[in-house]
Protein backbone atom coordinates (compact mmCIF):
# COMPACT_ATOMS: atom_id res chain seq x y z
CA MET A 1 85.32 38.48 19.24
CA THR A 2 86.32 40.72 16.33
CA GLY A 3 84.06 43.32 14.81
CA SER A 4 83.58 41.27 11.69
CA GLU A 5 82.52 38.23 13.73
CA ARG A 6 79.97 40.30 15.71
CA GLY A 7 78.54 41.55 12.45
CA GLN A 8 78.11 38.05 11.07
CA THR A 9 76.34 36.90 14.26
CA MET A 10 73.86 39.79 14.11
CA ALA A 11 73.19 39.08 10.45
CA THR A 12 72.47 35.46 11.25
CA ARG A 13 69.97 36.49 13.97
CA VAL A 14 68.21 38.92 11.62
CA ASP A 15 68.14 36.24 8.93
CA THR A 16 66.63 33.73 11.30
CA GLY A 17 63.99 36.19 12.45
CA ASN A 18 63.03 36.95 8.87
CA THR A 19 62.76 33.24 8.09
CA ALA A 20 60.37 32.67 11.05
CA ASP A 21 58.28 35.66 10.03
CA ALA A 22 58.16 34.41 6.45
CA ALA A 23 57.04 30.94 7.56
CA ALA A 24 54.28 32.38 9.74
CA GLU A 25 53.13 34.59 6.88
CA ALA A 26 53.13 31.60 4.52
CA ARG A 27 50.95 29.61 6.91
CA THR A 28 48.51 32.51 7.15
CA GLN A 29 48.38 32.87 3.40
CA ASP A 30 47.91 29.11 2.89
CA THR A 31 44.56 29.08 4.66
CA THR A 32 43.21 31.80 2.41
CA ALA A 33 45.01 30.82 -0.78
CA PRO A 34 42.74 30.54 -3.82
CA SER A 35 41.65 27.03 -4.71
CA VAL A 36 43.23 25.73 -7.90
CA VAL A 37 39.85 24.44 -9.01
CA THR A 38 37.43 27.14 -7.91
CA GLY A 39 39.63 30.14 -7.29
CA THR A 40 37.82 30.79 -3.97
CA PRO A 41 39.54 31.11 -0.61
CA ARG A 42 39.68 27.80 1.29
CA THR A 43 38.68 29.06 4.72
CA PRO A 44 38.07 26.62 7.61
CA GLY A 45 34.34 27.43 7.44
CA THR A 46 34.22 26.47 3.78
CA LEU A 47 35.92 23.15 4.49
CA ARG A 48 33.45 22.33 7.26
CA ALA A 49 30.46 23.24 5.04
CA SER A 50 31.63 21.00 2.23
CA GLY A 51 32.15 18.16 4.70
CA ILE A 52 28.50 17.88 5.70
CA TRP A 53 27.66 17.16 2.06
CA ARG A 54 30.45 14.68 1.52
CA ARG A 55 29.94 12.66 4.67
CA GLY A 56 27.31 9.93 5.08
CA ARG A 57 27.23 8.63 1.53
CA VAL A 58 26.71 5.06 2.77
CA LEU A 59 23.73 6.21 4.87
CA ALA A 60 22.29 8.11 1.91
CA THR A 61 22.62 5.00 -0.26
CA ALA A 62 20.86 2.92 2.40
CA ALA A 63 18.01 5.47 2.49
CA LEU A 64 17.67 5.27 -1.29
CA LEU A 65 17.56 1.45 -1.19
CA LEU A 66 14.90 1.56 1.54
CA ALA A 67 12.76 3.88 -0.59
CA LEU A 68 13.11 1.54 -3.57
CA LEU A 69 12.14 -1.42 -1.39
CA LEU A 70 8.94 0.33 -0.30
CA LEU A 71 8.04 1.52 -3.77
CA LEU A 72 8.94 -1.63 -5.70
CA HIS A 73 8.12 -4.37 -3.18
CA ALA A 74 5.70 -5.99 -5.64
CA SER A 75 8.61 -6.50 -8.05
CA ILE A 76 10.71 -8.51 -5.60
CA PRO A 77 10.66 -12.08 -6.95
CA ASN A 78 9.02 -14.89 -5.01
CA ARG A 79 10.83 -17.70 -6.79
CA ILE A 80 13.39 -18.26 -4.05
CA GLY A 81 11.95 -18.71 -0.58
CA SER A 82 8.95 -16.47 -1.32
CA VAL A 83 11.13 -13.58 -0.21
CA GLY A 84 8.76 -11.05 -1.80
CA SER A 85 5.80 -12.24 0.30
CA LEU A 86 7.98 -12.39 3.41
CA ILE A 87 8.98 -8.74 3.01
CA GLU A 88 5.40 -7.70 2.24
CA THR A 89 4.16 -9.43 5.40
CA PHE A 90 6.21 -7.08 7.56
CA LEU A 91 6.34 -4.14 5.15
CA PRO A 92 4.98 -1.51 7.60
CA TRP A 93 7.84 -2.28 9.97
CA CYS A 94 10.36 -1.19 7.34
CA GLY A 95 9.57 2.32 8.55
CA LEU A 96 11.62 1.61 11.68
CA PHE A 97 14.78 1.89 9.58
CA VAL A 98 14.08 5.59 9.07
CA PRO A 99 14.82 6.73 12.67
CA LEU A 100 17.84 4.43 12.75
CA LEU A 101 19.26 5.97 9.59
CA LEU A 102 18.35 9.46 10.83
CA THR A 103 20.31 8.86 14.03
CA GLY A 104 23.31 7.80 12.00
CA ALA A 105 22.97 10.85 9.73
CA LEU A 106 22.87 13.22 12.71
CA LEU A 107 25.85 11.57 14.34
CA ARG A 108 27.78 11.86 11.09
CA ARG A 109 26.46 15.42 10.59
CA SER A 110 25.58 14.51 7.04
CA ALA A 111 23.18 16.81 5.23
CA THR A 112 23.19 14.45 2.24
CA ALA A 113 21.92 11.51 4.31
CA VAL A 114 19.25 13.62 6.03
CA ILE A 115 17.86 14.85 2.71
CA ALA A 116 18.02 11.34 1.21
CA LEU A 117 15.85 10.09 4.07
CA LEU A 118 12.96 12.15 2.74
CA LEU A 119 12.54 9.54 -0.01
CA PRO A 120 11.67 6.52 2.24
CA VAL A 121 9.56 8.76 4.48
CA VAL A 122 7.43 9.87 1.53
CA ALA A 123 7.25 6.28 0.21
CA TRP A 124 6.16 4.90 3.60
CA LEU A 125 3.52 7.60 4.09
CA ASN A 126 2.21 6.92 0.60
CA LEU A 127 1.68 3.26 1.52
CA PHE A 128 0.58 3.48 5.15
CA GLY A 129 -0.04 7.10 6.02
CA GLY A 130 -3.79 6.64 5.65
CA LEU A 131 -3.78 4.04 8.43
CA LEU A 132 -2.48 6.57 10.93
CA THR A 133 -5.75 8.51 10.93
CA ASP A 134 -9.00 7.54 12.61
CA LYS A 135 -11.52 6.83 9.85
CA THR A 136 -14.27 5.38 12.04
CA ARG A 137 -17.74 6.82 11.60
CA PRO A 138 -20.86 6.46 13.72
CA GLY A 139 -23.78 4.35 12.60
CA GLY A 140 -24.02 1.16 10.63
CA ASP A 141 -26.65 -1.55 10.14
CA LEU A 142 -24.78 -4.72 11.07
CA THR A 143 -21.80 -5.70 13.22
CA VAL A 144 -19.64 -8.60 12.05
CA ALA A 145 -16.75 -10.20 13.92
CA SER A 146 -14.19 -12.92 13.32
CA HIS A 147 -11.97 -14.86 15.70
CA ASN A 148 -9.48 -17.68 15.37
CA VAL A 149 -10.33 -19.21 18.73
CA GLY A 150 -7.28 -21.47 18.73
CA ALA A 151 -7.30 -25.25 18.88
CA GLN A 152 -5.20 -25.11 22.07
CA ASN A 153 -7.33 -22.44 23.74
CA PRO A 154 -7.37 -23.27 27.48
CA ASP A 155 -10.55 -21.27 28.13
CA PRO A 156 -13.19 -21.77 25.43
CA VAL A 157 -15.97 -20.82 27.87
CA GLY A 158 -14.37 -17.46 28.65
CA THR A 159 -13.64 -16.89 24.98
CA ALA A 160 -17.25 -17.57 23.98
CA ARG A 161 -18.59 -15.26 26.65
CA ALA A 162 -16.21 -12.49 25.63
CA LEU A 163 -17.44 -12.80 22.04
CA VAL A 164 -21.06 -12.53 23.16
CA ARG A 165 -20.15 -9.28 24.92
CA SER A 166 -18.85 -7.92 21.62
CA ASP A 167 -22.49 -7.61 20.56
CA ALA A 168 -21.73 -8.78 17.03
CA ASP A 169 -24.71 -9.72 14.87
CA VAL A 170 -22.70 -12.18 12.80
CA LEU A 171 -19.76 -14.04 14.34
CA ALA A 172 -17.26 -16.24 12.48
CA LEU A 173 -15.02 -18.70 14.31
CA GLU A 174 -11.96 -20.44 12.91
CA GLU A 175 -9.83 -23.32 14.21
CA LEU A 176 -12.72 -24.94 16.02
CA ALA A 177 -11.33 -28.03 17.74
CA ALA A 178 -13.68 -31.00 17.86
CA GLN A 179 -13.47 -31.21 21.65
CA ALA A 180 -14.40 -27.53 22.06
CA ARG A 181 -17.17 -27.30 19.48
CA GLY A 182 -19.90 -28.30 21.93
CA THR A 183 -18.73 -25.65 24.39
CA TYR A 184 -19.01 -22.88 21.84
CA GLU A 185 -22.40 -24.09 20.66
CA LYS A 186 -23.71 -24.11 24.21
CA GLU A 187 -22.29 -20.72 25.24
CA LEU A 188 -23.33 -18.93 22.05
CA ALA A 189 -26.78 -20.49 21.63
CA LYS A 190 -28.74 -17.85 23.52
CA ALA A 191 -27.23 -14.83 21.72
CA TYR A 192 -27.11 -16.52 18.32
CA PRO A 193 -30.07 -18.74 17.50
CA HIS A 194 -28.71 -19.62 14.04
CA HIS A 195 -25.37 -21.26 13.38
CA THR A 196 -23.53 -23.62 11.07
CA VAL A 197 -20.21 -25.44 11.39
CA GLN A 198 -18.35 -26.72 8.34
CA GLY A 199 -15.30 -28.66 9.47
CA THR A 200 -13.16 -26.35 11.60
CA VAL A 201 -14.92 -23.08 10.68
CA GLY A 202 -18.36 -21.89 11.75
CA LEU A 203 -20.75 -18.95 11.67
CA TRP A 204 -23.14 -17.83 14.42
CA SER A 205 -25.86 -15.34 13.55
CA ARG A 206 -28.84 -13.48 14.98
CA PHE A 207 -30.44 -13.85 11.54
CA PRO A 208 -31.46 -16.96 9.58
CA LEU A 209 -28.89 -18.75 7.43
CA SER A 210 -29.40 -20.50 4.11
CA ASP A 211 -27.56 -21.86 1.08
CA THR A 212 -24.67 -23.01 3.24
CA ARG A 213 -21.85 -24.99 1.69
CA PRO A 214 -18.13 -25.66 2.16
CA VAL A 215 -15.58 -23.79 0.09
CA ASP A 216 -12.43 -25.56 -1.03
CA VAL A 217 -9.37 -23.62 0.16
CA LYS A 218 -6.95 -26.27 -1.12
CA MET A 219 -5.99 -27.80 2.20
CA ASP A 220 -5.90 -31.23 0.57
CA ALA A 221 -5.01 -30.56 -3.04
CA GLY A 222 -3.44 -33.07 -5.40
CA PRO A 223 -4.13 -36.66 -6.44
CA LEU A 224 -4.09 -37.97 -2.86
CA GLY A 225 -6.58 -35.35 -1.72
CA ASP A 226 -8.84 -35.97 -4.69
CA ALA A 227 -8.98 -39.66 -3.80
CA LYS A 228 -10.36 -38.98 -0.31
CA PRO A 229 -14.14 -39.13 0.26
CA ALA A 230 -15.90 -35.82 0.89
CA GLU A 231 -16.90 -36.86 4.42
CA VAL A 232 -13.26 -37.44 5.30
CA LYS A 233 -12.13 -34.08 3.99
CA MET A 234 -15.03 -32.31 5.70
CA VAL A 235 -13.52 -33.11 9.12
CA TYR A 236 -10.71 -30.64 8.50
CA ASN A 237 -12.47 -28.36 6.02
CA ARG A 238 -11.44 -24.71 6.52
CA GLY A 239 -13.74 -22.71 4.26
CA MET A 240 -17.47 -22.07 3.96
CA ARG A 241 -20.10 -19.83 2.40
CA THR A 242 -23.62 -19.01 3.61
CA THR A 243 -26.36 -16.44 3.11
CA VAL A 244 -27.44 -14.32 6.08
CA THR A 245 -31.00 -13.02 5.70
CA THR A 246 -30.75 -9.60 7.37
CA ASP A 247 -33.42 -6.92 7.82
CA HIS A 248 -31.86 -5.11 4.87
CA GLY A 249 -31.63 -8.04 2.50
CA PRO A 250 -29.45 -11.10 1.87
CA LEU A 251 -25.74 -10.96 2.65
CA ALA A 252 -23.30 -13.58 1.35
CA VAL A 253 -20.75 -14.40 4.06
CA TYR A 254 -17.55 -16.36 3.52
CA VAL A 255 -15.51 -17.76 6.38
CA ALA A 256 -11.98 -19.02 5.75
CA HIS A 257 -8.90 -20.21 7.56
CA LEU A 258 -6.12 -20.43 5.01
CA GLY A 259 -3.06 -22.63 5.33
CA SER A 260 -0.32 -21.67 7.75
CA VAL A 261 3.04 -20.28 6.70
CA ARG A 262 6.45 -21.18 8.04
CA VAL A 263 9.62 -19.11 8.06
CA ASN A 264 12.82 -21.12 7.73
CA PRO A 265 16.21 -19.36 7.78
CA ARG A 266 17.42 -21.59 4.95
CA ALA A 267 14.27 -22.01 2.87
CA GLY A 268 12.64 -18.61 3.51
CA LEU A 269 8.85 -18.35 3.61
CA SER A 270 6.92 -21.57 2.99
CA ALA A 271 3.46 -20.48 1.84
CA GLY A 272 2.52 -22.67 -1.10
CA GLN A 273 -0.60 -24.13 0.50
CA ARG A 274 -1.77 -20.74 1.76
CA ASP A 275 -1.23 -19.13 -1.63
CA ALA A 276 -3.21 -21.88 -3.37
CA GLY A 277 -6.03 -21.38 -0.86
CA ALA A 278 -6.02 -17.62 -1.39
CA GLN A 279 -6.32 -18.14 -5.15
CA SER A 280 -9.19 -20.58 -4.72
CA LEU A 281 -10.98 -18.27 -2.31
CA GLY A 282 -10.56 -15.37 -4.72
CA GLN A 283 -12.15 -17.41 -7.47
CA ALA A 284 -15.10 -18.27 -5.23
CA VAL A 285 -15.65 -14.61 -4.36
CA ALA A 286 -15.40 -13.65 -8.04
CA ALA A 287 -18.11 -16.17 -8.90
CA GLU A 288 -20.43 -14.98 -6.09
CA GLU A 289 -23.74 -13.75 -7.52
CA ASN A 290 -24.90 -11.82 -4.48
CA GLU A 291 -23.82 -8.20 -4.82
CA ARG A 292 -23.29 -7.84 -1.04
CA VAL A 293 -20.43 -9.99 0.28
CA VAL A 294 -18.41 -10.16 3.49
CA LEU A 295 -15.30 -12.30 3.95
CA LEU A 296 -14.29 -13.13 7.52
CA GLY A 297 -11.34 -15.20 8.60
CA ASP A 298 -7.77 -15.93 9.44
CA LEU A 299 -6.00 -15.53 6.11
CA ASN A 300 -2.54 -16.14 7.59
CA GLY A 301 -1.07 -13.11 5.88
CA THR A 302 -1.31 -9.35 5.50
CA LEU A 303 -3.19 -7.80 2.61
CA ASP A 304 0.03 -6.22 1.33
CA ASP A 305 1.08 -9.72 0.30
CA ARG A 306 0.66 -10.28 -3.45
CA ALA A 307 -0.84 -13.70 -2.72
CA TYR A 308 -4.18 -12.00 -1.97
CA ALA A 309 -4.39 -9.97 -5.17
CA GLY A 310 -7.31 -12.07 -6.40
CA ILE A 311 -9.25 -11.12 -3.27
CA THR A 312 -8.16 -7.52 -2.70
CA SER A 313 -8.86 -6.62 -6.32
CA ARG A 314 -12.54 -7.40 -5.70
CA MET A 315 -13.02 -6.59 -2.01
CA GLU A 316 -12.20 -3.77 0.39
CA SER A 317 -10.55 -4.10 3.78
CA ALA A 318 -12.83 -2.79 6.53
CA GLN A 319 -9.81 -1.88 8.66
CA GLU A 320 -8.16 0.16 5.92
CA ALA A 321 -11.41 1.89 4.94
CA ALA A 322 -12.91 2.57 8.37
CA GLY A 323 -10.45 1.61 11.09
CA SER A 324 -7.99 3.41 13.30
CA GLY A 325 -4.38 2.31 13.06
CA PHE A 326 -2.99 -0.91 11.64
CA GLY A 327 -5.37 -3.23 13.53
CA PHE A 328 -2.67 -5.81 14.30
CA SER A 329 -4.19 -9.08 15.56
CA TRP A 330 -1.36 -11.60 15.98
CA PRO A 331 0.17 -12.72 18.24
CA ALA A 332 -2.37 -11.81 20.90
CA SER A 333 0.22 -11.02 23.57
CA PHE A 334 2.01 -8.44 21.39
CA PRO A 335 0.40 -8.08 17.94
CA VAL A 336 2.79 -7.17 15.13
CA VAL A 337 0.79 -8.14 12.01
CA ARG A 338 -2.84 -8.24 10.93
CA ILE A 339 -3.58 -11.69 9.56
CA ASP A 340 -7.23 -11.78 10.69
CA GLN A 341 -9.26 -9.96 8.10
CA ILE A 342 -12.69 -8.52 7.35
CA LEU A 343 -13.24 -7.67 3.68
CA VAL A 344 -16.43 -6.37 2.09
CA ARG A 345 -18.03 -5.84 -1.30
CA GLY A 346 -21.30 -4.05 -1.99
CA VAL A 347 -21.64 -2.74 1.59
CA GLU A 348 -20.05 0.25 3.30
CA PRO A 349 -17.71 -0.23 6.29
CA GLU A 350 -18.40 2.43 8.90
CA SER A 351 -15.95 1.36 11.61
CA ALA A 352 -13.47 -1.43 12.33
CA TRP A 353 -11.56 -2.38 15.45
CA VAL A 354 -9.65 -5.10 17.30
CA LEU A 355 -11.30 -6.71 20.32
CA PRO A 356 -9.47 -7.53 23.58
CA ALA A 357 -7.43 -10.73 23.80
CA THR A 358 -9.07 -14.01 24.81
CA GLY A 359 -7.51 -17.41 25.52
CA SER A 360 -6.47 -17.67 21.86
CA ASP A 361 -3.16 -16.64 20.31
CA HIS A 362 -5.16 -14.38 17.95
CA ARG A 363 -7.21 -11.32 18.83
CA PRO A 364 -10.78 -11.02 17.53
CA VAL A 365 -11.53 -8.37 14.90
CA ALA A 366 -14.85 -6.62 14.25
CA ALA A 367 -16.45 -4.13 11.89
CA ARG A 368 -19.74 -2.33 11.51
CA ILE A 369 -21.20 -2.10 8.00
CA SER A 370 -24.14 -0.38 6.36
CA TRP A 371 -26.17 -0.92 3.21
């Protein structure tokens, strides 16, 4: 190899080394090069920090929609499948979406989604936070109870005896089957000397009853129903009103079992008959002259449902005012909704609770009220 060739080889090696050094320096400078937009160094830490705000946009949107659902549930139309009432029936359970979305936000490490979840949390607490506290108070002048005893109840004797042990002063029963009526009358007679049965609903009381009459809850509305004699319709009548003469004065008591609802995947919620009954019952309560009123019964819906606006605008839920928790009553084996209600006007609820399960598919509910 000549001297000139050795010189060229060494120059090539030096050149190559300089190129590698320059590439390494360029890579180092690239990570700290100023951003074209902000002019700040784009360090790895900065990129990671911006990522937690950019990730989880779908989760954040879902949280926003959940908050809007909770806040604007009354605006959801009922025209198609009564979807508004269906959502309102299970509205408290919408809160379960919060931990699900939170889990997704944490897995995605999304600060945006976590902060967005504050909106449905605040909305849910605004609607139901008051039910999480124990509002029961000692005292009270009168205990009232209500129970849908179930037409298919296999143990009416045990159910009646359990209700006697509740020590209620006034006891309303719904869905009284004709074959079981005598059993309830016999088992409750000693504890409750006064009672009345109007169709499939009845009231047992330690105090005298007067001015008793059926209340039309639209179970047989329309031209065909109007054509039926009163004695025929009375067989399946599901509403009544009576006056209980207590030691503190007269108390108007309504007992009702509104029409059932059905949920069909194609048609949605079928609640036309129930809604008509709720409207009729609300009108009866509005026309009631006695200033002290109690409504007991299976209303086949939660009070968040707009169908009961005519009732809830005039009466107060004993469970919401003086209960502990949601007071779910149906189904008895694992209650998920409260469709058995105690509402009052002109008296003060002091406590409200759910009684243990009987042979019925509903659980009894009770409340203690004062004048």
